[in-house]
Amino acid sequence: MPVKAHKASDYLKTPEDIAAYLNAAIEEFDGDTRLLMKAFRNVAAAQGGVSELARRADVNRVGLSRGLSGNRDPRLGTVAKIASACGVKLQFVA
């Protein structure tokens, strides 16, 4: 039986799925924002691609693509816009 490649974006259908996925990424990122941004790239793939997410977040597509590459540290404002466009919000808990 052939092995099918696993794509996280196949399982990110609802805001609840997205929130759980991003929360898991935050728990694992240990200060490395690249992991979180790569998780957002998977969310973008599930929601129509980077261009669609950039349009909904009202951010530059090229800048967003670079940010989601995991090679740059994003600004908090950009992360908040991306999260909102994905149907989730940033939250801090004790």
Protein backbone atom coordinates (compact mmCIF):
# COMPACT_ATOMS: atom_id res chain seq x y z
CA MET A 1 0.00 0.00 0.00
CA PRO A 2 1.52 3.37 -0.99
CA VAL A 3 2.23 5.92 1.72
CA LYS A 4 0.42 9.23 1.33
CA ALA A 5 2.25 12.43 2.28
CA HIS A 6 0.80 14.12 5.33
CA LYS A 7 -0.09 17.79 4.95
CA ALA A 8 -1.18 19.67 8.07
CA SER A 9 -3.29 21.97 5.91
CA ASP A 10 -5.59 19.02 5.11
CA TYR A 11 -6.75 19.03 8.74
CA LEU A 12 -7.15 22.77 9.38
CA LYS A 13 -10.78 23.26 8.41
CA THR A 14 -12.32 25.17 11.33
CA PRO A 15 -11.18 28.05 13.57
CA GLU A 16 -11.07 25.51 16.41
CA ASP A 17 -8.71 23.26 14.41
CA ILE A 18 -6.53 26.24 13.57
CA ALA A 19 -6.43 27.46 17.18
CA ALA A 20 -5.45 24.00 18.46
CA TYR A 21 -2.73 23.67 15.80
CA LEU A 22 -1.27 27.13 16.50
CA ASN A 23 -1.40 26.53 20.26
CA ALA A 24 0.56 23.31 19.78
CA ALA A 25 3.12 25.21 17.69
CA ILE A 26 3.45 27.86 20.41
CA GLU A 27 3.99 25.20 23.05
CA GLU A 28 6.81 23.72 20.97
CA PHE A 29 8.43 26.88 19.63
CA ASP A 30 10.66 27.57 22.67
CA GLY A 31 11.34 31.16 21.60
CA ASP A 32 11.97 30.31 17.95
CA THR A 33 9.36 32.32 16.05
CA ARG A 34 10.24 30.51 12.83
CA LEU A 35 8.26 27.47 13.95
CA LEU A 36 5.17 29.58 14.63
CA MET A 37 5.44 31.29 11.26
CA LYS A 38 5.79 27.95 9.48
CA ALA A 39 2.63 26.84 11.29
CA PHE A 40 0.90 29.97 9.98
CA ARG A 41 2.10 29.01 6.48
CA ASN A 42 0.29 25.68 6.85
CA VAL A 43 -2.82 27.56 7.98
CA ALA A 44 -2.50 29.84 4.95
CA ALA A 45 -2.32 26.78 2.68
CA ALA A 46 -5.52 25.48 4.25
CA GLN A 47 -7.27 28.78 3.65
CA GLY A 48 -6.53 29.38 0.00
CA GLY A 49 -2.83 30.26 0.04
CA VAL A 50 -0.59 33.14 1.04
CA SER A 51 -2.14 35.56 -1.45
CA GLU A 52 -5.62 34.99 -0.03
CA LEU A 53 -4.40 35.32 3.56
CA ALA A 54 -2.50 38.52 2.70
CA ARG A 55 -5.66 39.98 1.16
CA ARG A 56 -7.76 39.12 4.21
CA ALA A 57 -5.09 40.33 6.66
CA ASP A 58 -4.53 43.52 4.64
CA VAL A 59 -0.77 42.96 4.48
CA ASN A 60 1.70 42.90 1.61
CA ARG A 61 1.75 39.47 -0.03
CA VAL A 62 5.49 39.42 -0.67
CA GLY A 63 6.23 40.53 2.89
CA LEU A 64 3.84 37.94 4.26
CA SER A 65 5.39 35.21 2.15
CA ARG A 66 8.83 36.15 3.44
CA GLY A 67 7.56 36.24 7.00
CA LEU A 68 5.92 32.84 6.68
CA SER A 69 9.12 31.35 5.32
CA GLY A 70 10.40 31.04 8.87
CA ASN A 71 13.56 32.99 8.07
CA ARG A 72 12.45 36.29 9.64
CA ASP A 73 11.08 37.44 12.96
CA PRO A 74 7.60 38.87 12.46
CA ARG A 75 6.26 42.00 14.10
CA LEU A 76 3.60 41.48 16.73
CA GLY A 77 1.14 43.62 14.77
CA THR A 78 1.61 41.43 11.71
CA VAL A 79 1.10 38.25 13.72
CA ALA A 80 -2.10 39.72 15.20
CA LYS A 81 -3.40 40.61 11.71
CA ILE A 82 -2.59 37.15 10.39
CA ALA A 83 -4.25 35.46 13.36
CA SER A 84 -7.38 37.56 12.94
CA ALA A 85 -7.54 36.78 9.22
CA CYS A 86 -7.33 33.06 10.13
CA GLY A 87 -10.32 33.39 12.47
CA VAL A 88 -8.35 33.18 15.71
CA LYS A 89 -6.97 35.71 18.18
CA LEU A 90 -3.86 36.05 20.29
CA GLN A 91 -4.41 35.34 23.95
CA PHE A 92 -2.25 35.21 27.04
CA VAL A 93 -3.01 32.88 29.92
CA ALA A 94 -1.39 32.36 33.29
